[in-house]
Amino acid sequence: VSICAFDLRLNRTIPEEFVSFFLSRGRSNEEKFQDVLRQSE
């Protein structure tokens, strides 16, 4: 994973203040990945 994945996007009309993540929910690793995918979509 590139360090660019954690850059703030400053070239926007309103520059970002934070990098977005989701608190993943689920018991298993697979459930956590699925949860983040659903939230992202």
All heavy atoms as atom14 arrays in JSON, in Angstrom:
{
  "sequence": "VSICAFDLRLNRTIPEEFVSFFLSRGRSNEEKFQDVLRQSE",
  "atom14_mask": [
    [1, 1, 1, 1, 1, 1, 1, 0, 0, 0, 0, 0, 0, 0],
    [1, 1, 1, 1, 1, 1, 0, 0, 0, 0, 0, 0, 0, 0],
    [1, 1, 1, 1, 1, 1, 1, 1, 0, 0, 0, 0, 0, 0],
    [1, 1, 1, 1, 1, 1, 0, 0, 0, 0, 0, 0, 0, 0],
    [1, 1, 1, 1, 1, 0, 0, 0, 0, 0, 0, 0, 0, 0],
    [1, 1, 1, 1, 1, 1, 1, 1, 1, 1, 1, 0, 0, 0],
    [1, 1, 1, 1, 1, 1, 1, 1, 0, 0, 0, 0, 0, 0],
    [1, 1, 1, 1, 1, 1, 1, 1, 0, 0, 0, 0, 0, 0],
    [1, 1, 1, 1, 1, 1, 1, 1, 1, 1, 1, 0, 0, 0],
    [1, 1, 1, 1, 1, 1, 1, 1, 0, 0, 0, 0, 0, 0],
    [1, 1, 1, 1, 1, 1, 1, 1, 0, 0, 0, 0, 0, 0],
    [1, 1, 1, 1, 1, 1, 1, 1, 1, 1, 1, 0, 0, 0],
    [1, 1, 1, 1, 1, 1, 1, 0, 0, 0, 0, 0, 0, 0],
    [1, 1, 1, 1, 1, 1, 1, 1, 0, 0, 0, 0, 0, 0],
    [1, 1, 1, 1, 1, 1, 1, 0, 0, 0, 0, 0, 0, 0],
    [1, 1, 1, 1, 1, 1, 1, 1, 1, 0, 0, 0, 0, 0],
    [1, 1, 1, 1, 1, 1, 1, 1, 1, 0, 0, 0, 0, 0],
    [1, 1, 1, 1, 1, 1, 1, 1, 1, 1, 1, 0, 0, 0],
    [1, 1, 1, 1, 1, 1, 1, 0, 0, 0, 0, 0, 0, 0],
    [1, 1, 1, 1, 1, 1, 0, 0, 0, 0, 0, 0, 0, 0],
    [1, 1, 1, 1, 1, 1, 1, 1, 1, 1, 1, 0, 0, 0],
    [1, 1, 1, 1, 1, 1, 1, 1, 1, 1, 1, 0, 0, 0],
    [1, 1, 1, 1, 1, 1, 1, 1, 0, 0, 0, 0, 0, 0],
    [1, 1, 1, 1, 1, 1, 0, 0, 0, 0, 0, 0, 0, 0],
    [1, 1, 1, 1, 1, 1, 1, 1, 1, 1, 1, 0, 0, 0],
    [1, 1, 1, 1, 0, 0, 0, 0, 0, 0, 0, 0, 0, 0],
    [1, 1, 1, 1, 1, 1, 1, 1, 1, 1, 1, 0, 0, 0],
    [1, 1, 1, 1, 1, 1, 0, 0, 0, 0, 0, 0, 0, 0],
    [1, 1, 1, 1, 1, 1, 1, 1, 0, 0, 0, 0, 0, 0],
    [1, 1, 1, 1, 1, 1, 1, 1, 1, 0, 0, 0, 0, 0],
    [1, 1, 1, 1, 1, 1, 1, 1, 1, 0, 0, 0, 0, 0],
    [1, 1, 1, 1, 1, 1, 1, 1, 1, 0, 0, 0, 0, 0],
    [1, 1, 1, 1, 1, 1, 1, 1, 1, 1, 1, 0, 0, 0],
    [1, 1, 1, 1, 1, 1, 1, 1, 1, 0, 0, 0, 0, 0],
    [1, 1, 1, 1, 1, 1, 1, 1, 0, 0, 0, 0, 0, 0],
    [1, 1, 1, 1, 1, 1, 1, 0, 0, 0, 0, 0, 0, 0],
    [1, 1, 1, 1, 1, 1, 1, 1, 0, 0, 0, 0, 0, 0],
    [1, 1, 1, 1, 1, 1, 1, 1, 1, 1, 1, 0, 0, 0],
    [1, 1, 1, 1, 1, 1, 1, 1, 1, 0, 0, 0, 0, 0],
    [1, 1, 1, 1, 1, 1, 0, 0, 0, 0, 0, 0, 0, 0],
    [1, 1, 1, 1, 1, 1, 1, 1, 1, 0, 0, 0, 0, 0]
  ],
  "atom14_positions": [
    [[0.86, -1.18, 0.0], [0.0, 0.0, 0.0], [0.9, 1.24, 0.0], [1.82, 1.36, 0.81], [-0.93, 0.01, 1.23], [-1.75, 1.29, 1.28], [-1.83, -1.22, 1.23], [0.0, 0.0, 0.0], [0.0, 0.0, 0.0], [0.0, 0.0, 0.0], [0.0, 0.0, 0.0], [0.0, 0.0, 0.0], [0.0, 0.0, 0.0], [0.0, 0.0, 0.0]],
    [[0.64, 2.14, -0.92], [1.42, 3.36, -1.05], [1.13, 4.33, 0.08], [-0.01, 4.39, 0.59], [1.07, 4.03, -2.39], [1.57, 5.34, -2.44], [0.0, 0.0, 0.0], [0.0, 0.0, 0.0], [0.0, 0.0, 0.0], [0.0, 0.0, 0.0], [0.0, 0.0, 0.0], [0.0, 0.0, 0.0], [0.0, 0.0, 0.0], [0.0, 0.0, 0.0]],
    [[2.11, 5.14, 0.43], [1.88, 6.17, 1.45], [0.87, 7.21, 0.94], [0.23, 7.89, 1.74], [3.19, 6.85, 1.91], [3.87, 7.6, 0.78], [4.12, 5.87, 2.57], [5.03, 8.47, 1.22], [0.0, 0.0, 0.0], [0.0, 0.0, 0.0], [0.0, 0.0, 0.0], [0.0, 0.0, 0.0], [0.0, 0.0, 0.0], [0.0, 0.0, 0.0]],
    [[0.7, 7.29, -0.38], [-0.28, 8.23, -0.96], [-1.71, 7.92, -0.51], [-2.57, 8.8, -0.53], [-0.21, 8.21, -2.48], [1.37, 8.76, -3.13], [0.0, 0.0, 0.0], [0.0, 0.0, 0.0], [0.0, 0.0, 0.0], [0.0, 0.0, 0.0], [0.0, 0.0, 0.0], [0.0, 0.0, 0.0], [0.0, 0.0, 0.0], [0.0, 0.0, 0.0]],
    [[-1.95, 6.68, -0.09], [-3.28, 6.28, 0.37], [-3.68, 7.04, 1.64], [-4.85, 7.05, 2.02], [-3.33, 4.78, 0.63], [0.0, 0.0, 0.0], [0.0, 0.0, 0.0], [0.0, 0.0, 0.0], [0.0, 0.0, 0.0], [0.0, 0.0, 0.0], [0.0, 0.0, 0.0], [0.0, 0.0, 0.0], [0.0, 0.0, 0.0], [0.0, 0.0, 0.0]],
    [[-2.7, 7.69, 2.27], [-2.96, 8.39, 3.53], [-2.71, 9.89, 3.43], [-2.6, 10.58, 4.44], [-2.11, 7.75, 4.64], [-2.35, 6.28, 4.73], [-1.46, 5.38, 4.16], [-3.52, 5.79, 5.29], [-1.7, 4.03, 4.2], [-3.77, 4.43, 5.31], [-2.88, 3.55, 4.77], [0.0, 0.0, 0.0], [0.0, 0.0, 0.0], [0.0, 0.0, 0.0]],
    [[-2.66, 10.38, 2.19], [-2.52, 11.82, 1.96], [-3.85, 12.53, 2.15], [-4.9, 12.0, 1.79], [-2.06, 12.1, 0.52], [-0.6, 11.79, 0.29], [0.15, 11.62, 1.28], [-0.21, 11.71, -0.89], [0.0, 0.0, 0.0], [0.0, 0.0, 0.0], [0.0, 0.0, 0.0], [0.0, 0.0, 0.0], [0.0, 0.0, 0.0], [0.0, 0.0, 0.0]],
    [[-3.79, 13.74, 2.68], [-4.95, 14.62, 2.66], [-5.06, 15.18, 1.26], [-4.05, 15.54, 0.64], [-4.77, 15.77, 3.66], [-4.74, 15.38, 5.12], [-4.36, 16.6, 5.97], [-6.08, 14.82, 5.56], [0.0, 0.0, 0.0], [0.0, 0.0, 0.0], [0.0, 0.0, 0.0], [0.0, 0.0, 0.0], [0.0, 0.0, 0.0], [0.0, 0.0, 0.0]],
    [[-6.27, 15.26, 0.74], [-6.47, 15.85, -0.58], [-6.68, 17.35, -0.4], [-7.74, 17.8, 0.01], [-7.64, 15.18, -1.29], [-7.34, 13.71, -1.58], [-8.49, 13.01, -2.2], [-9.58, 12.92, -1.23], [-10.71, 12.28, -1.45], [-10.93, 11.67, -2.59], [-11.65, 12.24, -0.53], [0.0, 0.0, 0.0], [0.0, 0.0, 0.0], [0.0, 0.0, 0.0]],
    [[-5.64, 18.09, -0.7], [-5.65, 19.54, -0.48], [-6.08, 20.32, -1.71], [-6.3, 21.52, -1.64], [-4.26, 20.0, -0.02], [-3.74, 19.31, 1.25], [-2.31, 19.74, 1.54], [-4.65, 19.59, 2.43], [0.0, 0.0, 0.0], [0.0, 0.0, 0.0], [0.0, 0.0, 0.0], [0.0, 0.0, 0.0], [0.0, 0.0, 0.0], [0.0, 0.0, 0.0]],
    [[-6.22, 19.61, -2.84], [-6.56, 20.26, -4.11], [-8.07, 20.36, -4.33], [-8.52, 20.5, -5.44], [-5.92, 19.49, -5.27], [-6.38, 18.04, -5.33], [-6.96, 17.53, -4.38], [-6.13, 17.38, -6.44], [0.0, 0.0, 0.0], [0.0, 0.0, 0.0], [0.0, 0.0, 0.0], [0.0, 0.0, 0.0], [0.0, 0.0, 0.0], [0.0, 0.0, 0.0]],
    [[-8.83, 20.31, -3.29], [-10.29, 20.4, -3.38], [-10.76, 21.81, -3.07], [-10.02, 22.6, -2.5], [-10.92, 19.42, -2.4], [-10.46, 18.01, -2.69], [-11.32, 17.02, -2.02], [-11.18, 15.77, -2.76], [-12.18, 15.0, -3.07], [-13.39, 15.32, -2.73], [-11.98, 13.9, -3.74], [0.0, 0.0, 0.0], [0.0, 0.0, 0.0], [0.0, 0.0, 0.0]],
    [[-12.0, 22.1, -3.42], [-12.56, 23.41, -3.09], [-12.42, 23.67, -1.59], [-12.03, 24.74, -1.17], [-14.05, 23.47, -3.5], [-14.14, 23.12, -4.88], [-14.62, 24.84, -3.28], [0.0, 0.0, 0.0], [0.0, 0.0, 0.0], [0.0, 0.0, 0.0], [0.0, 0.0, 0.0], [0.0, 0.0, 0.0], [0.0, 0.0, 0.0], [0.0, 0.0, 0.0]],
    [[-12.76, 22.66, -0.8], [-12.53, 22.71, 0.64], [-11.54, 21.59, 0.95], [-11.88, 20.41, 0.88], [-13.84, 22.5, 1.44], [-14.84, 23.59, 1.07], [-13.56, 22.47, 2.93], [-16.22, 23.38, 1.66], [0.0, 0.0, 0.0], [0.0, 0.0, 0.0], [0.0, 0.0, 0.0], [0.0, 0.0, 0.0], [0.0, 0.0, 0.0], [0.0, 0.0, 0.0]],
    [[-10.28, 21.94, 1.24], [-9.27, 20.9, 1.49], [-9.66, 19.99, 2.66], [-10.3, 20.42, 3.61], [-8.01, 21.71, 1.84], [-8.25, 23.07, 1.28], [-9.74, 23.28, 1.35], [0.0, 0.0, 0.0], [0.0, 0.0, 0.0], [0.0, 0.0, 0.0], [0.0, 0.0, 0.0], [0.0, 0.0, 0.0], [0.0, 0.0, 0.0], [0.0, 0.0, 0.0]],
    [[-9.27, 18.73, 2.54], [-9.59, 17.77, 3.6], [-8.83, 18.08, 4.88], [-7.68, 18.51, 4.84], [-9.22, 16.35, 3.16], [-10.12, 15.77, 2.12], [-9.76, 14.35, 1.75], [-8.57, 13.99, 1.76], [-10.68, 13.61, 1.42], [0.0, 0.0, 0.0], [0.0, 0.0, 0.0], [0.0, 0.0, 0.0], [0.0, 0.0, 0.0], [0.0, 0.0, 0.0]],
    [[-9.5, 17.82, 5.99], [-8.86, 17.95, 7.3], [-8.45, 16.6, 7.86], [-7.65, 16.54, 8.79], [-9.81, 18.64, 8.28], [-10.11, 20.08, 7.92], [-11.02, 20.73, 8.94], [-11.13, 20.22, 10.08], [-11.62, 21.75, 8.59], [0.0, 0.0, 0.0], [0.0, 0.0, 0.0], [0.0, 0.0, 0.0], [0.0, 0.0, 0.0], [0.0, 0.0, 0.0]],
    [[-9.05, 15.54, 7.32], [-8.75, 14.2, 7.82], [-8.87, 13.19, 6.69], [-9.5, 13.46, 5.67], [-9.68, 13.81, 8.98], [-11.14, 13.84, 8.65], [-11.76, 12.75, 8.06], [-11.91, 14.96, 8.94], [-13.12, 12.77, 7.75], [-13.27, 14.99, 8.65], [-13.87, 13.89, 8.04], [0.0, 0.0, 0.0], [0.0, 0.0, 0.0], [0.0, 0.0, 0.0]],
    [[-8.26, 12.02, 6.91], [-8.36, 10.89, 5.98], [-9.49, 10.01, 6.5], [-9.52, 9.65, 7.68], [-7.04, 10.09, 5.93], [-7.16, 8.9, 4.99], [-5.89, 11.0, 5.51], [0.0, 0.0, 0.0], [0.0, 0.0, 0.0], [0.0, 0.0, 0.0], [0.0, 0.0, 0.0], [0.0, 0.0, 0.0], [0.0, 0.0, 0.0], [0.0, 0.0, 0.0]],
    [[-10.45, 9.67, 5.64], [-11.62, 8.9, 6.06], [-11.32, 7.42, 6.24], [-10.64, 6.8, 5.42], [-12.75, 9.04, 5.03], [-13.32, 10.32, 5.11], [0.0, 0.0, 0.0], [0.0, 0.0, 0.0], [0.0, 0.0, 0.0], [0.0, 0.0, 0.0], [0.0, 0.0, 0.0], [0.0, 0.0, 0.0], [0.0, 0.0, 0.0], [0.0, 0.0, 0.0]],
    [[-11.85, 6.89, 7.31], [-11.83, 5.46, 7.64], [-13.2, 5.1, 8.17], [-14.03, 5.97, 8.45], [-10.8, 5.17, 8.75], [-9.39, 5.06, 8.29], [-8.6, 6.19, 8.15], [-8.82, 3.82, 8.02], [-7.29, 6.1, 7.74], [-7.5, 3.72, 7.63], [-6.74, 4.86, 7.48], [0.0, 0.0, 0.0], [0.0, 0.0, 0.0], [0.0, 0.0, 0.0]],
    [[-13.43, 3.8, 8.34], [-14.63, 3.31, 9.01], [-14.21, 2.38, 10.14], [-13.29, 1.57, 9.96], [-15.54, 2.54, 8.03], [-16.1, 3.41, 6.97], [-15.55, 3.42, 5.69], [-17.18, 4.25, 7.22], [-16.05, 4.25, 4.7], [-17.7, 5.08, 6.24], [-17.12, 5.08, 4.98], [0.0, 0.0, 0.0], [0.0, 0.0, 0.0], [0.0, 0.0, 0.0]],
    [[-14.86, 2.53, 11.28], [-14.65, 1.6, 12.38], [-15.31, 0.3, 11.96], [-16.52, 0.24, 11.79], [-15.27, 2.15, 13.66], [-14.98, 1.39, 14.94], [-13.47, 1.38, 15.23], [-15.72, 2.02, 16.1], [0.0, 0.0, 0.0], [0.0, 0.0, 0.0], [0.0, 0.0, 0.0], [0.0, 0.0, 0.0], [0.0, 0.0, 0.0], [0.0, 0.0, 0.0]],
    [[-14.49, -0.73, 11.73], [-15.05, -1.96, 11.17], [-15.71, -2.79, 12.26], [-15.22, -2.9, 13.38], [-13.96, -2.76, 10.45], [-12.89, -3.05, 11.29], [0.0, 0.0, 0.0], [0.0, 0.0, 0.0], [0.0, 0.0, 0.0], [0.0, 0.0, 0.0], [0.0, 0.0, 0.0], [0.0, 0.0, 0.0], [0.0, 0.0, 0.0], [0.0, 0.0, 0.0]],
    [[-16.86, -3.33, 11.89], [-17.67, -4.11, 12.82], [-17.77, -5.54, 12.31], [-17.86, -5.76, 11.11], [-19.06, -3.49, 12.95], [-19.0, -2.06, 13.46], [-20.3, -1.35, 13.26], [-20.57, -1.2, 11.82], [-21.52, -0.47, 11.32], [-22.33, 0.18, 12.09], [-21.7, -0.39, 10.01], [0.0, 0.0, 0.0], [0.0, 0.0, 0.0], [0.0, 0.0, 0.0]],
    [[-17.75, -6.46, 13.23], [-17.87, -7.87, 12.88], [-17.01, -8.7, 13.8], [-16.09, -8.2, 14.44], [0.0, 0.0, 0.0], [0.0, 0.0, 0.0], [0.0, 0.0, 0.0], [0.0, 0.0, 0.0], [0.0, 0.0, 0.0], [0.0, 0.0, 0.0], [0.0, 0.0, 0.0], [0.0, 0.0, 0.0], [0.0, 0.0, 0.0], [0.0, 0.0, 0.0]],
    [[-17.35, -9.97, 13.86], [-16.57, -10.87, 14.73], [-15.33, -11.39, 14.04], [-14.27, -11.45, 14.62], [-17.44, -12.05, 15.17], [-18.55, -11.63, 16.09], [-19.29, -12.84, 16.63], [-20.54, -12.38, 17.2], [-21.69, -12.94, 17.0], [-21.78, -14.03, 16.27], [-22.77, -12.46, 17.56], [0.0, 0.0, 0.0], [0.0, 0.0, 0.0], [0.0, 0.0, 0.0]],
    [[-15.48, -11.75, 12.79], [-14.34, -12.32, 12.05], [-13.7, -11.26, 11.19], [-14.28, -10.2, 10.92], [-14.82, -13.48, 11.17], [-15.6, -12.99, 10.11], [0.0, 0.0, 0.0], [0.0, 0.0, 0.0], [0.0, 0.0, 0.0], [0.0, 0.0, 0.0], [0.0, 0.0, 0.0], [0.0, 0.0, 0.0], [0.0, 0.0, 0.0], [0.0, 0.0, 0.0]],
    [[-12.5, -11.56, 10.74], [-11.8, -10.66, 9.83], [-12.62, -10.46, 8.56], [-12.74, -9.34, 8.06], [-10.42, -11.24, 9.51], [-9.38, -10.18, 9.34], [-9.47, -9.1, 9.91], [-8.37, -10.49, 8.56], [0.0, 0.0, 0.0], [0.0, 0.0, 0.0], [0.0, 0.0, 0.0], [0.0, 0.0, 0.0], [0.0, 0.0, 0.0], [0.0, 0.0, 0.0]],
    [[-13.22, -11.54, 8.04], [-14.03, -11.44, 6.83], [-15.23, -10.52, 7.03], [-15.52, -9.68, 6.18], [-14.51, -12.82, 6.38], [-15.31, -12.77, 5.1], [-15.69, -14.14, 4.55], [-15.26, -15.16, 5.1], [-16.42, -14.17, 3.56], [0.0, 0.0, 0.0], [0.0, 0.0, 0.0], [0.0, 0.0, 0.0], [0.0, 0.0, 0.0], [0.0, 0.0, 0.0]],
    [[-15.9, -10.64, 8.18], [-17.04, -9.76, 8.47], [-16.61, -8.3, 8.56], [-17.32, -7.4, 8.13], [-17.72, -10.18, 9.77], [-18.5, -11.46, 9.66], [-19.07, -11.93, 11.0], [-18.64, -11.43, 12.07], [-19.93, -12.82, 10.97], [0.0, 0.0, 0.0], [0.0, 0.0, 0.0], [0.0, 0.0, 0.0], [0.0, 0.0, 0.0], [0.0, 0.0, 0.0]],
    [[-15.42, -8.06, 9.12], [-14.92, -6.69, 9.22], [-14.63, -6.1, 7.83], [-14.97, -4.96, 7.56], [-13.66, -6.64, 10.1], [-13.97, -6.86, 11.56], [-12.71, -6.8, 12.4], [-13.05, -6.98, 13.86], [-11.88, -6.77, 14.71], [0.0, 0.0, 0.0], [0.0, 0.0, 0.0], [0.0, 0.0, 0.0], [0.0, 0.0, 0.0], [0.0, 0.0, 0.0]],
    [[-14.0, -6.9, 6.96], [-13.75, -6.43, 5.59], [-15.07, -6.16, 4.86], [-15.21, -5.15, 4.18], [-12.91, -7.45, 4.81], [-11.43, -7.32, 5.03], [-10.76, -8.14, 5.92], [-10.7, -6.35, 4.36], [-9.39, -8.03, 6.13], [-9.32, -6.22, 4.55], [-8.67, -7.07, 5.44], [0.0, 0.0, 0.0], [0.0, 0.0, 0.0], [0.0, 0.0, 0.0]],
    [[-16.04, -7.05, 5.02], [-17.34, -6.86, 4.37], [-18.03, -5.6, 4.89], [-18.64, -4.86, 4.12], [-18.23, -8.09, 4.6], [-17.8, -9.3, 3.83], [-18.58, -10.54, 4.2], [-19.21, -10.61, 5.26], [-18.55, -11.53, 3.34], [0.0, 0.0, 0.0], [0.0, 0.0, 0.0], [0.0, 0.0, 0.0], [0.0, 0.0, 0.0], [0.0, 0.0, 0.0]],
    [[-17.93, -5.36, 6.18], [-18.55, -4.17, 6.76], [-17.94, -2.9, 6.17], [-18.66, -1.97, 5.79], [-18.38, -4.18, 8.29], [-19.01, -2.97, 8.93], [-20.23, -2.76, 8.77], [-18.27, -2.2, 9.58], [0.0, 0.0, 0.0], [0.0, 0.0, 0.0], [0.0, 0.0, 0.0], [0.0, 0.0, 0.0], [0.0, 0.0, 0.0], [0.0, 0.0, 0.0]],
    [[-16.62, -2.86, 6.08], [-15.96, -1.67, 5.51], [-16.33, -1.5, 4.04], [-16.57, -0.39, 3.58], [-14.43, -1.74, 5.71], [-13.73, -0.59, 4.97], [-14.09, -1.68, 7.19], [0.0, 0.0, 0.0], [0.0, 0.0, 0.0], [0.0, 0.0, 0.0], [0.0, 0.0, 0.0], [0.0, 0.0, 0.0], [0.0, 0.0, 0.0], [0.0, 0.0, 0.0]],
    [[-16.43, -2.6, 3.32], [-16.85, -2.52, 1.92], [-18.26, -1.95, 1.81], [-18.5, -1.03, 1.02], [-16.78, -3.9, 1.26], [-17.27, -3.98, -0.18], [-16.52, -3.02, -1.09], [-17.15, -5.42, -0.69], [0.0, 0.0, 0.0], [0.0, 0.0, 0.0], [0.0, 0.0, 0.0], [0.0, 0.0, 0.0], [0.0, 0.0, 0.0], [0.0, 0.0, 0.0]],
    [[-19.19, -2.43, 2.63], [-20.56, -1.89, 2.61], [-20.57, -0.4, 2.94], [-21.26, 0.38, 2.27], [-21.44, -2.65, 3.6], [-22.06, -3.9, 3.06], [-23.15, -4.43, 3.98], [-22.62, -4.92, 5.24], [-22.17, -6.15, 5.45], [-22.2, -7.03, 4.49], [-21.71, -6.5, 6.63], [0.0, 0.0, 0.0], [0.0, 0.0, 0.0], [0.0, 0.0, 0.0]],
    [[-19.84, 0.0, 3.97], [-19.79, 1.41, 4.35], [-19.19, 2.26, 3.22], [-19.67, 3.35, 2.93], [-18.98, 1.59, 5.63], [-19.6, 0.98, 6.85], [-20.94, 1.6, 7.2], [-21.18, 2.79, 6.98], [-21.83, 0.81, 7.74], [0.0, 0.0, 0.0], [0.0, 0.0, 0.0], [0.0, 0.0, 0.0], [0.0, 0.0, 0.0], [0.0, 0.0, 0.0]],
    [[-18.13, 1.74, 2.61], [-17.48, 2.47, 1.52], [-18.41, 2.63, 0.33], [-18.49, 3.71, -0.26], [-16.2, 1.74, 1.08], [-15.28, 1.67, 2.14], [0.0, 0.0, 0.0], [0.0, 0.0, 0.0], [0.0, 0.0, 0.0], [0.0, 0.0, 0.0], [0.0, 0.0, 0.0], [0.0, 0.0, 0.0], [0.0, 0.0, 0.0], [0.0, 0.0, 0.0]],
    [[-19.13, 1.56, -0.01], [-20.05, 1.61, -1.16], [-21.19, 2.58, -0.93], [-21.73, 3.13, -1.89], [-20.59, 0.22, -1.46], [-19.56, -0.69, -2.09], [-20.09, -2.08, -2.39], [-20.91, -2.61, -1.61], [-19.68, -2.63, -3.41], [0.0, 0.0, 0.0], [0.0, 0.0, 0.0], [0.0, 0.0, 0.0], [0.0, 0.0, 0.0], [0.0, 0.0, 0.0]]
  ]
}
